[in-house]
PDB file of N, CA and C in Angstrom:
ATOM      1  N   MET A   1      19.007   2.293  -5.327  1.00  0.00           N
ATOM      2  CA  MET A   1      17.988   1.263  -5.150  1.00  0.00           C
ATOM      3  C   MET A   1      17.406   1.391  -3.743  1.00  0.00           C
ATOM      4  N   SER A   2      16.128   1.241  -3.638  1.00  0.00           N
ATOM      5  CA  SER A   2      15.481   1.378  -2.331  1.00  0.00           C
ATOM      6  C   SER A   2      15.320   0.012  -1.666  1.00  0.00           C
ATOM      7  N   ASP A   3      15.241   0.045  -0.375  1.00  0.00           N
ATOM      8  CA  ASP A   3      15.040  -1.158   0.418  1.00  0.00           C
ATOM      9  C   ASP A   3      13.556  -1.229   0.764  1.00  0.00           C
ATOM     10  N   ARG A   4      12.842  -2.148   0.136  1.00  0.00           N
ATOM     11  CA  ARG A   4      11.405  -2.294   0.381  1.00  0.00           C
ATOM     12  C   ARG A   4      11.178  -3.520   1.251  1.00  0.00           C
ATOM     13  N   ARG A   5      10.617  -3.271   2.416  1.00  0.00           N
ATOM     14  CA  ARG A   5      10.279  -4.364   3.315  1.00  0.00           C
ATOM     15  C   ARG A   5       8.930  -4.083   3.946  1.00  0.00           C
ATOM     16  N   PHE A   6       8.107  -5.096   4.008  1.00  0.00           N
ATOM     17  CA  PHE A   6       6.836  -4.985   4.706  1.00  0.00           C
ATOM     18  C   PHE A   6       6.988  -5.585   6.084  1.00  0.00           C
ATOM     19  N   LEU A   7       6.438  -4.930   7.074  1.00  0.00           N
ATOM     20  CA  LEU A   7       6.322  -5.578   8.374  1.00  0.00           C
ATOM     21  C   LEU A   7       5.315  -6.713   8.200  1.00  0.00           C
ATOM     22  N   LEU A   8       5.507  -7.798   8.920  1.00  0.00           N
ATOM     23  CA  LEU A   8       4.643  -8.964   8.762  1.00  0.00           C
ATOM     24  C   LEU A   8       3.164  -8.629   8.943  1.00  0.00           C
ATOM     25  N   PRO A   9       2.768  -7.862   9.971  1.00  0.00           N
ATOM     26  CA  PRO A   9       1.341  -7.531  10.100  1.00  0.00           C
ATOM     27  C   PRO A   9       0.809  -6.741   8.895  1.00  0.00           C
ATOM     28  N   ALA A  10       1.630  -5.867   8.322  1.00  0.00           N
ATOM     29  CA  ALA A  10       1.199  -5.090   7.153  1.00  0.00           C
ATOM     30  C   ALA A  10       1.033  -5.990   5.938  1.00  0.00           C
ATOM     31  N   GLU A  11       1.958  -6.900   5.756  1.00  0.00           N
ATOM     32  CA  GLU A  11       1.874  -7.836   4.631  1.00  0.00           C
ATOM     33  C   GLU A  11       0.629  -8.719   4.769  1.00  0.00           C
ATOM     34  N   GLN A  12       0.381  -9.203   5.974  1.00  0.00           N
ATOM     35  CA  GLN A  12      -0.810 -10.020   6.212  1.00  0.00           C
ATOM     36  C   GLN A  12      -2.080  -9.229   5.930  1.00  0.00           C
ATOM     37  N   GLU A  13      -2.128  -7.983   6.375  1.00  0.00           N
ATOM     38  CA  GLU A  13      -3.299  -7.136   6.134  1.00  0.00           C
ATOM     39  C   GLU A  13      -3.509  -6.907   4.637  1.00  0.00           C
ATOM     40  N   MET A  14      -2.419  -6.714   3.910  1.00  0.00           N
ATOM     41  CA  MET A  14      -2.518  -6.497   2.470  1.00  0.00           C
ATOM     42  C   MET A  14      -3.131  -7.714   1.782  1.00  0.00           C
ATOM     43  N   TYR A  15      -2.664  -8.913   2.135  1.00  0.00           N
ATOM     44  CA  TYR A  15      -3.199 -10.119   1.508  1.00  0.00           C
ATOM     45  C   TYR A  15      -4.619 -10.434   1.972  1.00  0.00           C
ATOM     46  N   GLU A  16      -4.936 -10.107   3.198  1.00  0.00           N
ATOM     47  CA  GLU A  16      -6.326 -10.263   3.665  1.00  0.00           C
ATOM     48  C   GLU A  16      -7.251  -9.327   2.891  1.00  0.00           C
ATOM     49  N   ALA A  17      -6.803  -8.114   2.656  1.00  0.00           N
ATOM     50  CA  ALA A  17      -7.603  -7.166   1.876  1.00  0.00           C
ATOM     51  C   ALA A  17      -7.769  -7.666   0.443  1.00  0.00           C
ATOM     52  N   ALA A  18      -6.704  -8.213  -0.136  1.00  0.00           N
ATOM     53  CA  ALA A  18      -6.806  -8.771  -1.494  1.00  0.00           C
ATOM     54  C   ALA A  18      -7.842  -9.889  -1.526  1.00  0.00           C
ATOM     55  N   GLY A  19      -7.857 -10.730  -0.506  1.00  0.00           N
ATOM     56  CA  GLY A  19      -8.854 -11.796  -0.416  1.00  0.00           C
ATOM     57  C   GLY A  19     -10.264 -11.240  -0.283  1.00  0.00           C
ATOM     58  N   PHE A  20     -10.411 -10.184   0.485  1.00  0.00           N
ATOM     59  CA  PHE A  20     -11.706  -9.525   0.643  1.00  0.00           C
ATOM     60  C   PHE A  20     -12.223  -9.046  -0.709  1.00  0.00           C
ATOM     61  N   TYR A  21     -11.366  -8.387  -1.485  1.00  0.00           N
ATOM     62  CA  TYR A  21     -11.785  -7.886  -2.792  1.00  0.00           C
ATOM     63  C   TYR A  21     -12.066  -9.028  -3.768  1.00  0.00           C
ATOM     64  N   GLU A  22     -11.307 -10.090  -3.677  1.00  0.00           N
ATOM     65  CA  GLU A  22     -11.568 -11.249  -4.542  1.00  0.00           C
ATOM     66  C   GLU A  22     -12.936 -11.846  -4.241  1.00  0.00           C
ATOM     67  N   ASP A  23     -13.311 -11.884  -2.968  1.00  0.00           N
ATOM     68  CA  ASP A  23     -14.640 -12.383  -2.597  1.00  0.00           C
ATOM     69  C   ASP A  23     -15.747 -11.504  -3.159  1.00  0.00           C
ATOM     70  N   ARG A  24     -15.482 -10.223  -3.299  1.00  0.00           N
ATOM     71  CA  ARG A  24     -16.494  -9.286  -3.797  1.00  0.00           C
ATOM     72  C   ARG A  24     -16.639  -9.353  -5.312  1.00  0.00           C
ATOM     73  N   SER A  25     -15.515  -9.509  -6.000  1.00  0.00           N
ATOM     74  CA  SER A  25     -15.535  -9.529  -7.463  1.00  0.00           C
ATOM     75  C   SER A  25     -14.296 -10.275  -7.960  1.00  0.00           C
ATOM     76  N   PRO A  26     -14.482 -11.401  -8.647  1.00  0.00           N
ATOM     77  CA  PRO A  26     -13.332 -12.174  -9.133  1.00  0.00           C
ATOM     78  C   PRO A  26     -12.367 -11.304  -9.942  1.00  0.00           C
ATOM     79  N   GLY A  27     -11.103 -11.392  -9.585  1.00  0.00           N
ATOM     80  CA  GLY A  27     -10.059 -10.633 -10.261  1.00  0.00           C
ATOM     81  C   GLY A  27      -9.768  -9.275  -9.650  1.00  0.00           C
ATOM     82  N   LEU A  28     -10.645  -8.787  -8.768  1.00  0.00           N
ATOM     83  CA  LEU A  28     -10.435  -7.472  -8.162  1.00  0.00           C
ATOM     84  C   LEU A  28      -9.182  -7.442  -7.296  1.00  0.00           C
ATOM     85  N   TRP A  29      -8.778  -8.599  -6.771  1.00  0.00           N
ATOM     86  CA  TRP A  29      -7.556  -8.662  -5.971  1.00  0.00           C
ATOM     87  C   TRP A  29      -6.355  -8.179  -6.777  1.00  0.00           C
ATOM     88  N   ARG A  30      -6.324  -8.497  -8.088  1.00  0.00           N
ATOM     89  CA  ARG A  30      -5.203  -8.062  -8.922  1.00  0.00           C
ATOM     90  C   ARG A  30      -5.148  -6.536  -9.011  1.00  0.00           C
ATOM     91  N   ASP A  31      -6.322  -5.925  -9.164  1.00  0.00           N
ATOM     92  CA  ASP A  31      -6.377  -4.470  -9.227  1.00  0.00           C
ATOM     93  C   ASP A  31      -5.887  -3.857  -7.918  1.00  0.00           C
ATOM     94  N   PHE A  32      -6.287  -4.460  -6.797  1.00  0.00           N
ATOM     95  CA  PHE A  32      -5.864  -3.959  -5.491  1.00  0.00           C
ATOM     96  C   PHE A  32      -4.341  -4.040  -5.348  1.00  0.00           C
ATOM     97  N   LEU A  33      -3.764  -5.213  -5.636  1.00  0.00           N
ATOM     98  CA  LEU A  33      -2.316  -5.362  -5.484  1.00  0.00           C
ATOM     99  C   LEU A  33      -1.552  -4.496  -6.485  1.00  0.00           C
ATOM    100  N   ALA A  34      -2.099  -4.297  -7.677  1.00  0.00           N
ATOM    101  CA  ALA A  34      -1.462  -3.406  -8.651  1.00  0.00           C
ATOM    102  C   ALA A  34      -1.467  -1.967  -8.132  1.00  0.00           C
ATOM    103  N   GLU A  35      -2.548  -1.571  -7.480  1.00  0.00           N
ATOM    104  CA  GLU A  35      -2.620  -0.220  -6.917  1.00  0.00           C
ATOM    105  C   GLU A  35      -1.652  -0.065  -5.747  1.00  0.00           C
ATOM    106  N   VAL A  36      -1.494  -1.117  -4.944  1.00  0.00           N
ATOM    107  CA  VAL A  36      -0.485  -1.073  -3.868  1.00  0.00           C
ATOM    108  C   VAL A  36       0.901  -0.890  -4.491  1.00  0.00           C
ATOM    109  N   GLU A  37       1.193  -1.657  -5.531  1.00  0.00           N
ATOM    110  CA  GLU A  37       2.501  -1.548  -6.194  1.00  0.00           C
ATOM    111  C   GLU A  37       2.700  -0.160  -6.807  1.00  0.00           C
ATOM    112  N   ARG A  38       1.661   0.394  -7.439  1.00  0.00           N
ATOM    113  CA  ARG A  38       1.756   1.729  -8.020  1.00  0.00           C
ATOM    114  C   ARG A  38       2.060   2.761  -6.931  1.00  0.00           C
ATOM    115  N   THR A  39       1.411   2.612  -5.797  1.00  0.00           N
ATOM    116  CA  THR A  39       1.620   3.533  -4.683  1.00  0.00           C
ATOM    117  C   THR A  39       3.039   3.409  -4.144  1.00  0.00           C
ATOM    118  N   ILE A  40       3.537   2.191  -4.045  1.00  0.00           N
ATOM    119  CA  ILE A  40       4.912   1.984  -3.570  1.00  0.00           C
ATOM    120  C   ILE A  40       5.914   2.600  -4.542  1.00  0.00           C
ATOM    121  N   GLU A  41       5.682   2.433  -5.843  1.00  0.00           N
ATOM    122  CA  GLU A  41       6.567   3.050  -6.834  1.00  0.00           C
ATOM    123  C   GLU A  41       6.548   4.572  -6.694  1.00  0.00           C
ATOM    124  N   SER A  42       5.389   5.124  -6.437  1.00  0.00           N
ATOM    125  CA  SER A  42       5.262   6.561  -6.231  1.00  0.00           C
ATOM    126  C   SER A  42       6.052   7.002  -4.997  1.00  0.00           C
ATOM    127  N   ILE A  43       5.984   6.200  -3.952  1.00  0.00           N
ATOM    128  CA  ILE A  43       6.742   6.495  -2.722  1.00  0.00           C
ATOM    129  C   ILE A  43       8.237   6.462  -3.010  1.00  0.00           C
ATOM    130  N   VAL A  44       8.688   5.466  -3.748  1.00  0.00           N
ATOM    131  CA  VAL A  44      10.115   5.347  -4.078  1.00  0.00           C
ATOM    132  C   VAL A  44      10.573   6.564  -4.885  1.00  0.00           C
ATOM    133  N   ASN A  45       9.732   7.005  -5.823  1.00  0.00           N
ATOM    134  CA  ASN A  45      10.102   8.123  -6.689  1.00  0.00           C
ATOM    135  C   ASN A  45      10.057   9.471  -5.978  1.00  0.00           C
ATOM    136  N   VAL A  46       9.091   9.654  -5.072  1.00  0.00           N
ATOM    137  CA  VAL A  46       8.948  10.927  -4.353  1.00  0.00           C
ATOM    138  C   VAL A  46       8.616  10.617  -2.892  1.00  0.00           C
ATOM    139  N   PRO A  47       9.603  10.186  -2.121  1.00  0.00           N
ATOM    140  CA  PRO A  47       9.331   9.707  -0.766  1.00  0.00           C
ATOM    141  C   PRO A  47       8.789  10.758   0.203  1.00  0.00           C
ATOM    142  N   HIS A  48       9.095  12.013  -0.005  1.00  0.00           N
ATOM    143  CA  HIS A  48       8.651  13.036   0.948  1.00  0.00           C
ATOM    144  C   HIS A  48       7.285  13.625   0.605  1.00  0.00           C
ATOM    145  N   ALA A  49       6.629  13.093  -0.421  1.00  0.00           N
ATOM    146  CA  ALA A  49       5.320  13.629  -0.824  1.00  0.00           C
ATOM    147  C   ALA A  49       4.206  13.244   0.156  1.00  0.00           C
ATOM    148  N   GLY A  50       4.345  12.113   0.798  1.00  0.00           N
ATOM    149  CA  GLY A  50       3.327  11.690   1.755  1.00  0.00           C
ATOM    150  C   GLY A  50       3.404  12.518   3.024  1.00  0.00           C
ATOM    151  N   PRO A  51       2.262  12.873   3.582  1.00  0.00           N
ATOM    152  CA  PRO A  51       2.291  13.659   4.819  1.00  0.00           C
ATOM    153  C   PRO A  51       2.850  12.859   5.988  1.00  0.00           C
ATOM    154  N   ARG A  52       3.574  13.535   6.832  1.00  0.00           N
ATOM    155  CA  ARG A  52       4.123  12.919   8.042  1.00  0.00           C
ATOM    156  C   ARG A  52       2.973  12.777   9.034  1.00  0.00           C
ATOM    157  N   ILE A  53       2.812  11.558   9.580  1.00  0.00           N
ATOM    158  CA  ILE A  53       1.723  11.359  10.536  1.00  0.00           C
ATOM    159  C   ILE A  53       2.221  11.152  11.953  1.00  0.00           C
ATOM    160  N   SER A  54       3.487  10.744  12.108  1.00  0.00           N
ATOM    161  CA  SER A  54       4.063  10.570  13.441  1.00  0.00           C
ATOM    162  C   SER A  54       5.557  10.325  13.299  1.00  0.00           C
ATOM    163  N   GLY A  55       6.359  11.153  13.933  1.00  0.00           N
ATOM    164  CA  GLY A  55       7.805  10.971  13.852  1.00  0.00           C
ATOM    165  C   GLY A  55       8.262  10.961  12.406  1.00  0.00           C
ATOM    166  N   ASN A  56       8.924   9.879  11.994  1.00  0.00           N
ATOM    167  CA  ASN A  56       9.372   9.774  10.606  1.00  0.00           C
ATOM    168  C   ASN A  56       8.439   8.892   9.763  1.00  0.00           C
ATOM    169  N   ILE A  57       7.246   8.594  10.273  1.00  0.00           N
ATOM    170  CA  ILE A  57       6.268   7.769   9.555  1.00  0.00           C
ATOM    171  C   ILE A  57       5.421   8.666   8.657  1.00  0.00           C
ATOM    172  N   ARG A  58       5.312   8.269   7.402  1.00  0.00           N
ATOM    173  CA  ARG A  58       4.496   8.984   6.425  1.00  0.00           C
ATOM    174  C   ARG A  58       3.418   8.046   5.886  1.00  0.00           C
ATOM    175  N   ARG A  59       2.423   8.648   5.217  1.00  0.00           N
ATOM    176  CA  ARG A  59       1.325   7.839   4.681  1.00  0.00           C
ATOM    177  C   ARG A  59       0.970   8.316   3.278  1.00  0.00           C
ATOM    178  N   ARG A  60       0.740   7.336   2.401  1.00  0.00           N
ATOM    179  CA  ARG A  60       0.193   7.611   1.072  1.00  0.00           C
ATOM    180  C   ARG A  60      -1.088   6.801   0.941  1.00  0.00           C
ATOM    181  N   ILE A  61      -2.146   7.446   0.485  1.00  0.00           N
ATOM    182  CA  ILE A  61      -3.444   6.803   0.316  1.00  0.00           C
ATOM    183  C   ILE A  61      -3.536   6.224  -1.091  1.00  0.00           C
ATOM    184  N   LEU A  62      -4.053   4.996  -1.203  1.00  0.00           N
ATOM    185  CA  LEU A  62      -4.290   4.402  -2.512  1.00  0.00           C
ATOM    186  C   LEU A  62      -5.396   5.179  -3.214  1.00  0.00           C
ATOM    187  N   ARG A  63      -5.348   5.258  -4.521  1.00  0.00           N
ATOM    188  CA  ARG A  63      -6.335   6.024  -5.285  1.00  0.00           C
ATOM    189  C   ARG A  63      -7.702   5.360  -5.296  1.00  0.00           C
ATOM    190  N   ARG A  64      -7.747   4.095  -5.586  1.00  0.00           N
ATOM    191  CA  ARG A  64      -9.025   3.425  -5.841  1.00  0.00           C
ATOM    192  C   ARG A  64      -9.596   2.693  -4.642  1.00  0.00           C
ATOM    193  N   PHE A  65      -8.792   2.398  -3.669  1.00  0.00           N
ATOM    194  CA  PHE A  65      -9.204   1.582  -2.537  1.00  0.00           C
ATOM    195  C   PHE A  65      -8.997   2.360  -1.241  1.00  0.00           C
ATOM    196  N   PRO A  66      -9.832   2.098  -0.240  1.00  0.00           N
ATOM    197  CA  PRO A  66      -9.717   2.849   1.018  1.00  0.00           C
ATOM    198  C   PRO A  66      -8.622   2.305   1.944  1.00  0.00           C
ATOM    199  N   PHE A  67      -7.399   2.349   1.461  1.00  0.00           N
ATOM    200  CA  PHE A  67      -6.239   1.887   2.227  1.00  0.00           C
ATOM    201  C   PHE A  67      -5.122   2.892   2.073  1.00  0.00           C
ATOM    202  N   GLY A  68      -4.225   2.879   3.037  1.00  0.00           N
ATOM    203  CA  GLY A  68      -3.046   3.703   2.977  1.00  0.00           C
ATOM    204  C   GLY A  68      -1.802   2.865   3.191  1.00  0.00           C
ATOM    205  N   VAL A  69      -0.697   3.333   2.679  1.00  0.00           N
ATOM    206  CA  VAL A  69       0.608   2.697   2.892  1.00  0.00           C
ATOM    207  C   VAL A  69       1.369   3.591   3.854  1.00  0.00           C
ATOM    208  N   LEU A  70       1.711   3.033   5.009  1.00  0.00           N
ATOM    209  CA  LEU A  70       2.542   3.743   5.982  1.00  0.00           C
ATOM    210  C   LEU A  70       3.988   3.363   5.709  1.00  0.00           C
ATOM    211  N   TYR A  71       4.882   4.345   5.750  1.00  0.00           N
ATOM    212  CA  TYR A  71       6.282   4.048   5.444  1.00  0.00           C
ATOM    213  C   TYR A  71       7.218   5.012   6.169  1.00  0.00           C
ATOM    214  N   ALA A  72       8.443   4.570   6.266  1.00  0.00           N
ATOM    215  CA  ALA A  72       9.498   5.399   6.875  1.00  0.00           C
ATOM    216  C   ALA A  72      10.702   5.380   5.970  1.00  0.00           C
TER     217      ALA A  72
END
């Protein structure tokens, strides 16, 4: 089992982005958060697939939205 934790600033940014998408199109926030979850599941399944960007920090880009998930 993996330990999934968001840093508070990252969690806040994620929910702010969801609010941004909801303002643009009702219900789009659900698609955004589902894509974040899909990306996290992908990270859990293949953690070394994301390119290393600094030290032990890696990044995976969301498919549909211009955001990335940074993780260690």
